[in-house]
Protein backbone atom coordinates (compact mmCIF):
# COMPACT_ATOMS: atom_id res chain seq x y z
CA MET A 1 -17.28 23.94 16.30
CA LYS A 2 -19.22 21.43 14.24
CA SER A 3 -18.59 17.87 15.36
CA ALA A 4 -17.67 15.16 12.88
CA PRO A 5 -20.51 12.85 11.82
CA THR A 6 -20.73 9.56 13.66
CA LEU A 7 -20.87 7.56 10.43
CA GLU A 8 -20.26 8.35 6.78
CA PHE A 9 -20.56 6.21 3.66
CA LYS A 10 -18.44 6.99 0.62
CA GLY A 11 -17.98 4.99 -2.55
CA SER A 12 -14.47 4.16 -3.69
CA THR A 13 -12.58 1.73 -5.90
CA LEU A 14 -9.99 -0.48 -4.24
CA ALA A 15 -7.37 -2.45 -6.15
CA LEU A 16 -7.14 -5.67 -4.15
CA THR A 17 -5.16 -8.86 -4.65
CA VAL A 18 -7.17 -11.87 -3.50
CA LEU A 19 -6.66 -15.61 -3.23
CA HIS A 20 -9.05 -17.98 -4.97
CA ALA A 21 -9.80 -21.08 -2.92
CA ALA A 22 -11.32 -23.63 -5.30
CA LEU A 23 -13.47 -26.12 -3.42
CA GLY A 24 -13.44 -29.63 -4.86
CA SER A 25 -15.53 -30.99 -1.99
CA ALA A 26 -18.21 -29.66 0.33
CA ASP A 27 -16.86 -31.86 3.12
CA ALA A 28 -15.28 -29.53 5.71
CA ALA A 29 -13.25 -32.42 7.16
CA ALA A 30 -11.68 -33.08 3.75
CA VAL A 31 -10.89 -29.38 3.36
CA GLU A 32 -9.27 -29.38 6.80
CA ARG A 33 -7.06 -32.34 5.86
CA THR A 34 -6.02 -30.59 2.66
CA LEU A 35 -5.11 -27.40 4.52
CA ALA A 36 -3.15 -29.42 7.06
CA ASP A 37 -1.18 -31.10 4.26
CA LEU A 38 -0.56 -27.77 2.54
CA CYS A 39 0.42 -25.70 5.56
CA GLY A 40 2.08 -28.44 7.59
CA PRO A 41 4.18 -26.94 10.37
CA ALA A 42 3.74 -23.41 8.98
CA PRO A 43 0.68 -21.92 10.71
CA ASP A 44 1.53 -18.51 9.26
CA PHE A 45 1.71 -19.73 5.65
CA PHE A 46 -1.22 -17.45 4.87
CA SER A 47 -1.32 -13.90 6.19
CA HIS A 48 -5.03 -13.05 6.58
CA ASP A 49 -5.29 -12.99 2.77
CA PRO A 50 -8.65 -11.82 1.32
CA THR A 51 -10.13 -15.00 -0.14
CA VAL A 52 -12.80 -15.76 -2.73
CA VAL A 53 -14.22 -19.28 -2.40
CA ASP A 54 -14.79 -20.76 -5.87
CA LEU A 55 -17.60 -23.33 -6.04
CA ALA A 56 -17.13 -24.27 -9.70
CA GLY A 57 -15.84 -27.70 -8.68
CA LEU A 58 -19.00 -28.57 -6.74
CA ASP A 59 -22.30 -29.95 -7.99
CA ALA A 60 -25.08 -27.36 -8.01
CA ASP A 61 -26.88 -29.15 -5.17
CA ALA A 62 -23.76 -29.61 -3.02
CA GLN A 63 -24.02 -27.23 -0.08
CA PRO A 64 -20.91 -26.25 1.91
CA ASP A 65 -21.37 -26.08 5.67
CA TRP A 66 -20.40 -22.42 6.02
CA GLY A 67 -20.77 -22.54 9.79
CA THR A 68 -17.86 -24.99 9.88
CA LEU A 69 -15.94 -23.98 6.76
CA LEU A 70 -15.56 -20.25 7.43
CA PRO A 71 -14.06 -20.65 10.93
CA LEU A 72 -11.78 -23.35 9.50
CA LEU A 73 -10.43 -21.00 6.81
CA ARG A 74 -9.98 -18.20 9.36
CA ARG A 75 -8.00 -20.50 11.66
CA HIS A 76 -5.53 -20.89 8.80
CA GLN A 77 -5.30 -17.08 8.49
CA LEU A 78 -7.49 -16.80 5.41
CA THR A 79 -10.17 -14.10 5.25
CA PRO A 80 -13.10 -15.38 3.16
CA PHE A 81 -15.39 -12.58 2.00
CA ALA A 82 -16.98 -13.76 -1.25
CA VAL A 83 -17.97 -16.75 -3.36
CA ARG A 84 -18.07 -17.20 -7.11
CA ASN A 85 -19.58 -19.75 -9.50
CA ALA A 86 -22.34 -20.52 -6.99
CA SER A 87 -25.72 -22.00 -7.90
CA PRO A 88 -28.79 -20.01 -6.77
CA ALA A 89 -29.19 -22.21 -3.68
CA GLN A 90 -25.48 -21.99 -2.87
CA ALA A 91 -25.53 -18.21 -3.34
CA GLU A 92 -28.50 -17.84 -0.98
CA ALA A 93 -26.73 -19.86 1.72
CA ALA A 94 -23.51 -17.89 1.20
CA ARG A 95 -25.36 -14.59 1.63
CA ALA A 96 -26.92 -15.88 4.84
CA ALA A 97 -23.40 -16.66 6.06
CA GLY A 98 -22.32 -13.07 5.38
CA LEU A 99 -20.46 -13.65 2.10
CA VAL A 100 -20.63 -11.51 -1.02
CA ILE A 101 -21.48 -12.97 -4.44
CA ALA A 102 -18.48 -11.97 -6.55
CA GLU A 103 -20.33 -11.83 -9.88
CA GLU A 104 -22.89 -9.37 -8.46
CA VAL A 105 -20.15 -7.05 -7.22
CA GLU A 106 -18.34 -7.20 -10.56
CA THR A 107 -21.57 -6.29 -12.38
CA VAL A 108 -22.07 -3.22 -10.17
CA VAL A 109 -18.46 -2.11 -10.63
CA ARG A 110 -18.67 -2.43 -14.41
CA ALA A 111 -22.04 -0.68 -14.62
CA ALA A 112 -21.10 2.35 -12.50
CA PRO A 113 -18.60 3.95 -14.95
CA ALA A 114 -21.03 3.41 -17.83
CA ALA A 115 -23.81 5.14 -15.89
CA ARG A 116 -21.56 8.08 -15.08
CA SER A 117 -20.53 8.36 -18.73
CA ALA A 118 -24.14 8.34 -19.94
CA HIS A 119 -25.11 11.00 -17.40
CA SER A 120 -22.21 13.32 -18.27
CA SER A 121 -22.86 13.02 -22.03
CA GLN A 122 -26.44 14.29 -21.65
CA SER A 123 -26.60 17.89 -22.89
CA PRO A 124 -29.05 20.56 -21.65
CA ASP A 125 -30.78 20.43 -25.03
CA THR A 126 -31.64 16.75 -24.69
CA ALA A 127 -32.14 16.57 -20.93
CA GLY A 128 -35.49 16.90 -19.26
CA PRO A 129 -36.57 20.08 -17.43
CA ALA A 130 -35.09 18.99 -14.10
CA GLU A 131 -31.78 17.97 -15.63
CA ALA A 132 -31.59 21.14 -17.75
CA GLY A 133 -32.25 23.30 -14.71
CA ALA A 134 -29.53 21.53 -12.74
CA ALA A 135 -27.11 22.01 -15.63
CA ALA A 136 -27.91 25.71 -15.82
CA GLU A 137 -27.33 26.13 -12.10
CA ALA A 138 -24.03 24.27 -12.34
CA GLU A 139 -22.77 26.86 -14.86
CA SER A 140 -23.09 29.62 -12.24
CA PRO A 141 -20.31 29.75 -9.62
CA VAL A 142 -22.68 31.36 -7.14
CA ALA A 143 -25.35 28.73 -7.68
CA ALA A 144 -22.76 25.97 -7.36
CA ALA A 145 -21.58 27.37 -4.06
CA GLU A 146 -25.05 27.83 -2.58
CA ALA A 147 -26.95 24.88 -4.02
CA PRO A 148 -27.81 22.12 -1.53
CA VAL A 149 -26.28 18.72 -2.07
CA ASN A 150 -28.85 16.32 -3.49
CA GLY A 151 -27.18 13.53 -5.47
CA ASP A 152 -24.23 12.79 -3.15
CA LEU A 153 -24.90 13.00 0.58
CA PHE A 154 -21.23 13.54 1.32
CA ALA A 155 -20.10 15.72 -1.58
CA THR A 156 -18.55 19.12 -0.89
CA PRO A 157 -19.76 21.87 -3.27
CA GLU A 158 -17.06 24.00 -4.89
CA VAL A 159 -17.24 27.56 -6.22
CA ALA A 160 -15.63 26.83 -9.58
CA PRO A 161 -15.60 23.12 -10.28
CA ALA A 162 -12.74 22.02 -12.49
CA PRO A 163 -13.22 19.53 -15.34
CA ALA A 164 -13.58 15.98 -14.08
CA ALA A 165 -10.28 14.16 -13.79
CA PRO A 166 -9.89 10.78 -15.51
CA GLU A 167 -10.46 7.64 -13.48
CA PRO A 168 -7.25 6.68 -11.64
CA ALA A 169 -5.39 3.65 -12.95
CA PRO A 170 -5.54 0.49 -10.83
CA ALA A 171 -2.79 0.20 -8.27
CA PRO A 172 0.18 -1.87 -9.54
CA ALA A 173 0.95 -5.30 -8.15
CA PRO A 174 3.36 -5.45 -5.21
CA ALA A 175 6.87 -4.71 -6.44
CA PHE A 176 9.62 -7.30 -6.54
CA THR A 177 11.58 -6.84 -3.34
CA GLY A 178 14.72 -8.85 -4.14
CA THR A 179 16.15 -12.31 -3.61
CA LEU A 180 16.58 -14.03 -0.27
CA VAL A 181 19.74 -16.18 -0.01
CA VAL A 182 19.86 -18.95 2.63
CA ASP A 183 23.30 -20.52 3.14
CA ARG A 184 22.54 -22.81 6.07
CA PRO A 185 20.72 -26.14 6.27
CA LEU A 186 17.05 -26.01 7.19
CA ARG A 187 16.08 -28.47 9.90
CA SER A 188 12.69 -30.07 10.46
CA GLY A 189 10.15 -27.47 11.57
CA GLN A 190 12.12 -24.51 10.22
CA GLN A 191 10.66 -22.23 7.58
CA VAL A 192 11.95 -19.44 5.35
CA TYR A 193 9.67 -17.13 3.37
CA ALA A 194 10.80 -14.77 0.59
CA ARG A 195 7.95 -12.26 0.57
CA GLY A 196 7.68 -10.48 -2.77
CA GLY A 197 10.66 -12.22 -4.39
CA ASP A 198 12.73 -15.35 -5.04
CA VAL A 199 14.70 -17.51 -2.63
CA ILE A 200 18.03 -19.29 -3.21
CA VAL A 201 18.95 -22.07 -0.78
CA LEU A 202 22.59 -23.22 -0.79
CA ALA A 203 22.24 -26.02 1.77
CA MET A 204 20.03 -29.03 2.39
CA VAL A 205 16.31 -28.64 3.06
CA ASN A 206 15.66 -31.49 5.48
CA PRO A 207 12.37 -33.41 5.81
CA GLY A 208 9.84 -31.30 7.72
CA ALA A 209 11.49 -28.00 6.70
CA GLU A 210 9.69 -25.57 4.44
CA VAL A 211 10.77 -23.03 1.81
CA ILE A 212 8.17 -20.50 0.65
CA ALA A 213 8.52 -17.70 -1.91
CA ASP A 214 6.19 -15.36 -3.73
CA GLY A 215 8.50 -15.89 -6.73
CA ASN A 216 10.80 -18.77 -7.71
CA ILE A 217 12.62 -21.25 -5.46
CA HIS A 218 16.18 -22.41 -6.21
CA VAL A 219 17.66 -25.16 -4.03
CA TYR A 220 21.29 -26.00 -4.91
CA ALA A 221 21.30 -28.98 -2.55
CA PRO A 222 18.99 -31.89 -1.70
CA LEU A 223 15.37 -30.75 -1.39
CA ARG A 224 13.84 -33.20 1.08
CA GLY A 225 11.22 -30.97 2.70
CA ARG A 226 8.51 -28.75 1.25
CA ALA A 227 8.83 -26.08 -1.44
CA LEU A 228 5.97 -23.65 -2.15
CA ALA A 229 6.59 -21.12 -4.95
CA GLY A 230 4.23 -18.43 -6.23
CA ALA A 231 2.70 -18.23 -2.77
CA ARG A 232 0.70 -15.11 -3.71
CA GLY A 233 -0.72 -16.60 -6.89
CA ASP A 234 2.13 -16.25 -9.43
CA VAL A 235 1.37 -19.11 -11.85
CA GLY A 236 4.65 -18.45 -13.69
CA ALA A 237 6.78 -19.25 -10.65
CA ARG A 238 9.01 -22.34 -10.71
CA ILE A 239 10.95 -24.59 -8.36
CA PHE A 240 14.50 -25.71 -9.19
CA THR A 241 16.64 -28.17 -7.28
CA THR A 242 19.83 -30.11 -7.96
CA CYS A 243 18.56 -33.11 -5.97
CA PHE A 244 14.81 -33.76 -5.89
CA GLU A 245 13.55 -35.70 -2.86
CA ALA A 246 10.69 -33.39 -1.85
CA GLU A 247 7.81 -34.21 0.48
CA LEU A 248 5.58 -31.58 -1.14
CA VAL A 249 5.85 -29.02 -3.93
CA SER A 250 3.33 -26.27 -4.68
CA ILE A 251 3.03 -23.45 -7.21
CA ALA A 252 0.31 -20.82 -6.82
CA GLY A 253 -1.64 -23.14 -4.52
CA VAL A 254 -1.53 -26.18 -6.85
CA TYR A 255 0.32 -28.79 -4.83
CA ARG A 256 1.46 -32.38 -4.93
CA THR A 257 2.78 -34.65 -2.20
CA PHE A 258 5.31 -37.46 -2.59
CA GLU A 259 5.98 -40.69 -0.75
CA PRO A 260 9.64 -41.71 -0.42
CA GLY A 261 10.80 -43.16 -3.75
CA SER A 262 7.50 -42.49 -5.52
CA GLU A 263 9.24 -40.59 -8.33
CA LYS A 264 11.81 -43.25 -9.14
CA THR A 265 13.07 -41.67 -12.36
CA LEU A 266 13.52 -38.21 -10.80
CA THR A 267 14.47 -38.95 -7.19
CA GLY A 268 17.95 -37.61 -6.51
CA GLN A 269 18.09 -35.89 -9.90
CA PRO A 270 18.16 -32.20 -10.92
CA VAL A 271 14.52 -31.21 -11.45
CA GLN A 272 12.36 -28.20 -12.21
CA VAL A 273 8.70 -27.95 -11.23
CA ARG A 274 6.28 -25.72 -13.12
CA LEU A 275 2.59 -25.33 -13.92
CA ALA A 276 1.41 -26.55 -17.30
CA GLY A 277 -1.92 -26.11 -19.07
CA ALA A 278 -3.53 -23.39 -21.17
CA ASP A 279 -6.58 -23.05 -18.92
CA VAL A 280 -5.69 -21.54 -15.54
CA ASP A 281 -8.41 -23.59 -13.84
CA GLN A 282 -6.99 -26.83 -15.28
CA GLN A 283 -3.27 -26.28 -14.73
CA GLN A 284 -1.29 -29.15 -13.24
CA LEU A 285 2.19 -29.47 -11.79
CA ARG A 286 4.81 -30.81 -14.16
CA LEU A 287 8.15 -32.24 -13.00
CA GLU A 288 10.93 -32.15 -15.59
CA PRO A 289 14.60 -33.21 -15.45
CA LEU A 290 17.19 -30.43 -15.63
CA ASN A 291 20.21 -30.91 -17.88
CA LEU A 292 23.00 -29.26 -15.92
CA ARG A 293 25.88 -30.66 -17.96
C-alpha cells in the first residue's frame, strides 16, 4: 500500500474576513494604551481574528518595532499576518518579521485567473509545437490517462476530463444569527457579546460593564459603561440608548471615550451613535439626539 506523501502543496482560494488595524503611531507603548482603552476588562474582545496592519497613517520613514508590536497584538488575541500601504523600507522590515505584503498577494490573486484564461483560449492552430502536441494528447482518453503529470505536481489525471467548471463564488459573509435580549442589569466587569447579530439591553449598563455586538446595540436604560457595535467591521451598525452616559462607544473599531459630563447637551438624553463620512478611512463617530416623543 502506497503511503501518503509527507508534505503536499496545493493552491486554493479562501474567502476570509479580516480586521484592518490602522496604525496612527509607530510607538508600541501608545498602541498598547489604545488597546487597553478599547478592550478594557474584556480580554476576549477579539477572537484570534486575522489582522492586516495598515500603515497608511504613518510617515514613510516611520518604522514600527515589529518585535514588540506583533507579540502585543497577539496578546490581545489578534493574529497579524499582513501589512498594507507600506513604504519600501517598511515592507522590507515587515517581510523580515514574517508578514505578507497585502498588495503583492492581491496582485498574484488577480493575475492567476487572467493567466488561466489566456492559456485556455490558445488554440492548437496558434500554439507552438509543444503546446499543440499537448493539446492533441489531451484529446485522446488513453493519452490523458497515461500521460505523466508535468504542469501540476499534485494533479490526478482522468480518463475523460469534463469541461472545466466555472470558478466558485466567494463564500458569503457570516449569516445573521438573531438578537440577544438581556433583561438584567450589567455590573462592573460583566460583558455580553451578541456574535453575528444585535443585542437589546432592558436594564442599566453600569460603569465598567461592556456590551458588544457584531450588529446594532439597543439599550433601553441608562448606558453608563461601554458599548461596541459592529465588532466584526460592520460600518453600518449603530448604538441606541434612552439615557446616554457612556464611558466608551465604538463602531467597527472607531471609538471614542467620554469623561463624566463631557457631553453636556447629550448626557442623560436619548442618543444614537453612528459612523459618518463618505470615505471609509475618514469616518468618524457622530452622536445625535433621538426624538422619542
